[in-house]
Amino acid sequence: MIQAAYLRIGAAVALGAGCFIAGTQHEHRTHVIREAAMQAAFDKTITDVRAKTAAAQVADLAHARAVEAAQEQKRKDAASAYETDLADARRDLAVYAQRLRAASQANSGDSGAASVPGTPQPTGSALGTSDATVMDDLEACAVNTVKAEAWRDWWLSIR
């Protein structure tokens, strides 16, 4: 009887140990399955982040190229407008110079007075400077004005 009791106790301990081991193995398998699922989710997240990063880099590069192209077009438009405005200003200045020469020639006609030798001839300008100097000054003013307007127009176009 004692032996039967020990056998029953031994069987109960063995059964309990077996159940404990089976439960531990089951928990271990569950843990391994959960860990594998978490690792798969992490790997998917990393893959998604890398794909989205690559897509964002491509989009950024395309945007940068588009901005560069738009800025280059604005620069070309501004340069073209500047050249056109500068040519117009110089043309207007040439017309003005022609009008001044015509007016000067009309005023320098024979007025009936005798020319006195040694007297200085009028310079053609109220300031006492030659017409060429006045025209040079007017051209410098026209060029600077056109440049300033071109810079202003360019600045307003990029804002």
Foldseek 3Di string as FASTA:
>chain_A
DVVVVVVVVVVVVVVVVVVVVVVVVVVVVVVVVVVVVVVVVVVVVVVVVVVVVVVVVVVVVVVVVVVVVVLVVLVVVLVVQLVVQLVVQVVVLVVVLVVLVVVQVVVPPCPPDDDDPPDDDQQSDPVRDHPVVVSVVSSVVSNVVSVVVSVVVSVVVVD
